[in-house]
Amino acid sequence: MRLSDYLQENQIAAPDFARLIGCDKGTVYRWIKGEVIPMPDTIGEIMNATGGAVTFEDFLEERARARKHKSEAVEQTP
């Protein structure tokens, strides 16, 4: 499950989730956008905080989607 979907479904704001796992809110926003993938120890914290609903593979998929979207945007630029 995407982190953004998990947060929305559980009505958790990104800054609140950041505090829950002990990181910066800007970092959470970058994860949501697929700009960066959390470090392995942080992935463990995320998995614990989400009850296993969000996994490492979910971040890989989100990053692939973000890269594809960025690539398509570049191709459409005149």
N, C-alpha and C. Protein backbone atom coordinates (compact mmCIF):
# COMPACT_ATOMS: atom_id res chain seq x y z
N MET A 1 0.84 -1.17 0.00
CA MET A 1 0.00 0.00 0.00
C MET A 1 0.89 1.24 0.00
N ARG A 2 0.51 2.20 -0.79
CA ARG A 2 1.26 3.46 -0.82
C ARG A 2 1.12 4.18 0.52
N LEU A 3 2.19 4.83 0.94
CA LEU A 3 2.17 5.55 2.21
C LEU A 3 1.09 6.63 2.18
N SER A 4 0.96 7.33 1.08
CA SER A 4 -0.06 8.38 0.99
C SER A 4 -1.46 7.79 1.18
N ASP A 5 -1.72 6.62 0.61
CA ASP A 5 -3.02 5.97 0.77
C ASP A 5 -3.25 5.56 2.23
N TYR A 6 -2.21 5.01 2.84
CA TYR A 6 -2.31 4.60 4.24
C TYR A 6 -2.64 5.81 5.12
N LEU A 7 -1.91 6.90 4.92
CA LEU A 7 -2.13 8.09 5.74
C LEU A 7 -3.53 8.64 5.53
N GLN A 8 -3.98 8.67 4.28
CA GLN A 8 -5.32 9.19 4.00
C GLN A 8 -6.40 8.30 4.61
N GLU A 9 -6.27 6.99 4.42
CA GLU A 9 -7.27 6.06 4.95
C GLU A 9 -7.37 6.10 6.47
N ASN A 10 -6.24 6.38 7.10
CA ASN A 10 -6.20 6.40 8.56
C ASN A 10 -6.24 7.81 9.14
N GLN A 11 -6.47 8.78 8.26
CA GLN A 11 -6.59 10.19 8.65
C GLN A 11 -5.41 10.66 9.50
N ILE A 12 -4.22 10.36 8.98
CA ILE A 12 -2.99 10.76 9.64
C ILE A 12 -2.29 11.77 8.74
N ALA A 13 -1.98 12.92 9.28
CA ALA A 13 -1.26 13.94 8.53
C ALA A 13 0.22 13.55 8.44
N ALA A 14 0.85 13.91 7.34
CA ALA A 14 2.27 13.58 7.14
C ALA A 14 3.14 14.09 8.30
N PRO A 15 2.94 15.33 8.78
CA PRO A 15 3.76 15.78 9.91
C PRO A 15 3.55 14.93 11.17
N ASP A 16 2.33 14.47 11.38
CA ASP A 16 2.06 13.62 12.55
C ASP A 16 2.75 12.26 12.40
N PHE A 17 2.72 11.72 11.18
CA PHE A 17 3.40 10.45 10.93
C PHE A 17 4.90 10.61 11.11
N ALA A 18 5.43 11.73 10.66
CA ALA A 18 6.86 12.00 10.82
C ALA A 18 7.24 11.99 12.30
N ARG A 19 6.45 12.64 13.11
CA ARG A 19 6.73 12.65 14.56
C ARG A 19 6.63 11.25 15.14
N LEU A 20 5.66 10.48 14.66
CA LEU A 20 5.45 9.12 15.16
C LEU A 20 6.68 8.24 14.96
N ILE A 21 7.33 8.38 13.79
CA ILE A 21 8.49 7.53 13.52
C ILE A 21 9.82 8.24 13.74
N GLY A 22 9.76 9.51 14.15
CA GLY A 22 10.97 10.23 14.51
C GLY A 22 11.78 10.76 13.34
N CYS A 23 11.10 11.32 12.35
CA CYS A 23 11.83 11.91 11.23
C CYS A 23 11.23 13.26 10.87
N ASP A 24 11.81 13.91 9.88
CA ASP A 24 11.37 15.22 9.43
C ASP A 24 10.15 15.11 8.51
N LYS A 25 9.22 16.04 8.63
CA LYS A 25 8.01 15.99 7.79
C LYS A 25 8.35 16.14 6.31
N GLY A 26 9.38 16.91 5.99
CA GLY A 26 9.79 17.06 4.59
C GLY A 26 10.24 15.73 4.00
N THR A 27 10.86 14.91 4.82
CA THR A 27 11.29 13.58 4.37
C THR A 27 10.08 12.73 4.04
N VAL A 28 9.06 12.79 4.88
CA VAL A 28 7.83 12.02 4.62
C VAL A 28 7.21 12.47 3.30
N TYR A 29 7.18 13.78 3.05
CA TYR A 29 6.62 14.27 1.79
C TYR A 29 7.44 13.77 0.60
N ARG A 30 8.75 13.68 0.72
CA ARG A 30 9.58 13.17 -0.37
C ARG A 30 9.33 11.68 -0.61
N TRP A 31 9.06 10.93 0.45
CA TRP A 31 8.71 9.52 0.29
C TRP A 31 7.39 9.40 -0.46
N ILE A 32 6.43 10.22 -0.06
CA ILE A 32 5.11 10.18 -0.68
C ILE A 32 5.20 10.50 -2.18
N LYS A 33 6.04 11.44 -2.54
CA LYS A 33 6.21 11.82 -3.95
C LYS A 33 7.07 10.84 -4.74
N GLY A 34 7.70 9.91 -4.04
CA GLY A 34 8.56 8.94 -4.71
C GLY A 34 9.93 9.50 -5.06
N GLU A 35 10.29 10.60 -4.45
CA GLU A 35 11.59 11.23 -4.72
C GLU A 35 12.74 10.47 -4.08
N VAL A 36 12.48 9.91 -2.91
CA VAL A 36 13.50 9.13 -2.20
C VAL A 36 12.86 7.91 -1.57
N ILE A 37 13.68 6.93 -1.28
CA ILE A 37 13.24 5.71 -0.59
C ILE A 37 13.86 5.73 0.80
N PRO A 38 13.07 5.42 1.81
CA PRO A 38 13.61 5.42 3.18
C PRO A 38 14.76 4.43 3.35
N MET A 39 15.62 4.73 4.30
CA MET A 39 16.71 3.83 4.67
C MET A 39 16.11 2.57 5.29
N PRO A 40 16.85 1.46 5.23
CA PRO A 40 16.31 0.18 5.74
C PRO A 40 15.79 0.24 7.18
N ASP A 41 16.51 0.90 8.08
CA ASP A 41 16.04 0.96 9.46
C ASP A 41 14.75 1.77 9.57
N THR A 42 14.63 2.78 8.74
CA THR A 42 13.42 3.60 8.73
C THR A 42 12.25 2.82 8.14
N ILE A 43 12.52 1.99 7.14
CA ILE A 43 11.46 1.15 6.57
C ILE A 43 10.88 0.26 7.68
N GLY A 44 11.75 -0.25 8.53
CA GLY A 44 11.27 -1.06 9.65
C GLY A 44 10.34 -0.26 10.56
N GLU A 45 10.71 0.99 10.82
CA GLU A 45 9.86 1.86 11.64
C GLU A 45 8.51 2.11 10.96
N ILE A 46 8.55 2.32 9.65
CA ILE A 46 7.32 2.57 8.89
C ILE A 46 6.44 1.32 8.92
N MET A 47 7.04 0.17 8.71
CA MET A 47 6.28 -1.07 8.73
C MET A 47 5.65 -1.29 10.11
N ASN A 48 6.39 -1.01 11.18
CA ASN A 48 5.84 -1.15 12.53
C ASN A 48 4.69 -0.17 12.75
N ALA A 49 4.89 1.08 12.33
CA ALA A 49 3.88 2.11 12.55
C ALA A 49 2.61 1.87 11.75
N THR A 50 2.74 1.18 10.60
CA THR A 50 1.58 0.93 9.75
C THR A 50 1.04 -0.49 9.91
N GLY A 51 1.59 -1.23 10.85
CA GLY A 51 1.15 -2.61 11.04
C GLY A 51 1.46 -3.49 9.85
N GLY A 52 2.52 -3.14 9.11
CA GLY A 52 2.93 -3.92 7.95
C GLY A 52 2.19 -3.58 6.67
N ALA A 53 1.32 -2.57 6.73
CA ALA A 53 0.54 -2.20 5.54
C ALA A 53 1.41 -1.56 4.46
N VAL A 54 2.46 -0.85 4.86
CA VAL A 54 3.37 -0.20 3.92
C VAL A 54 4.71 -0.91 4.02
N THR A 55 5.22 -1.38 2.88
CA THR A 55 6.46 -2.16 2.85
C THR A 55 7.49 -1.51 1.94
N PHE A 56 8.68 -2.06 1.96
CA PHE A 56 9.75 -1.59 1.09
C PHE A 56 9.34 -1.64 -0.38
N GLU A 57 8.68 -2.71 -0.78
CA GLU A 57 8.25 -2.86 -2.17
C GLU A 57 7.30 -1.75 -2.59
N ASP A 58 6.49 -1.28 -1.66
CA ASP A 58 5.57 -0.18 -1.96
C ASP A 58 6.34 1.09 -2.32
N PHE A 59 7.45 1.32 -1.64
CA PHE A 59 8.26 2.50 -1.96
C PHE A 59 8.94 2.35 -3.31
N LEU A 60 9.37 1.14 -3.63
CA LEU A 60 9.98 0.90 -4.94
C LEU A 60 8.97 1.16 -6.05
N GLU A 61 7.75 0.70 -5.87
CA GLU A 61 6.71 0.91 -6.87
C GLU A 61 6.39 2.40 -7.02
N GLU A 62 6.32 3.12 -5.91
CA GLU A 62 6.03 4.54 -5.95
C GLU A 62 7.15 5.30 -6.66
N ARG A 63 8.36 4.91 -6.41
CA ARG A 63 9.50 5.57 -7.08
C ARG A 63 9.46 5.30 -8.57
N ALA A 64 9.13 4.08 -8.97
CA ALA A 64 9.02 3.76 -10.39
C ALA A 64 7.92 4.58 -11.05
N ARG A 65 6.79 4.76 -10.37
CA ARG A 65 5.69 5.58 -10.90
C ARG A 65 6.14 7.02 -11.06
N ALA A 66 6.85 7.55 -10.08
CA ALA A 66 7.31 8.93 -10.13
C ALA A 66 8.29 9.13 -11.28
N ARG A 67 9.19 8.20 -11.47
CA ARG A 67 10.15 8.30 -12.56
C ARG A 67 9.46 8.23 -13.92
N LYS A 68 8.47 7.36 -14.05
CA LYS A 68 7.74 7.23 -15.30
C LYS A 68 6.99 8.52 -15.60
N HIS A 69 6.36 9.08 -14.59
CA HIS A 69 5.62 10.33 -14.76
C HIS A 69 6.56 11.45 -15.18
N LYS A 70 7.72 11.52 -14.55
CA LYS A 70 8.70 12.56 -14.88
C LYS A 70 9.21 12.37 -16.31
N SER A 71 9.46 11.13 -16.70
CA SER A 71 9.93 10.83 -18.05
C SER A 71 8.87 11.23 -19.08
N GLU A 72 7.61 10.94 -18.82
CA GLU A 72 6.54 11.28 -19.75
C GLU A 72 6.39 12.79 -19.86
N ALA A 73 6.58 13.52 -18.77
CA ALA A 73 6.49 14.96 -18.79
C ALA A 73 7.60 15.57 -19.64
N VAL A 74 8.79 15.02 -19.56
CA VAL A 74 9.92 15.50 -20.36
C VAL A 74 9.65 15.25 -21.83
N GLU A 75 9.09 14.10 -22.17
CA GLU A 75 8.80 13.76 -23.56
C GLU A 75 7.75 14.70 -24.16
N GLN A 76 6.85 15.23 -23.34
CA GLN A 76 5.79 16.09 -23.83
C GLN A 76 6.22 17.54 -23.93
N THR A 77 7.37 17.89 -23.41
CA THR A 77 7.86 19.25 -23.46
C THR A 77 8.26 19.60 -24.89
N PRO A 78 7.71 20.73 -25.42
CA PRO A 78 8.03 21.09 -26.81
C PRO A 78 9.44 21.53 -27.03
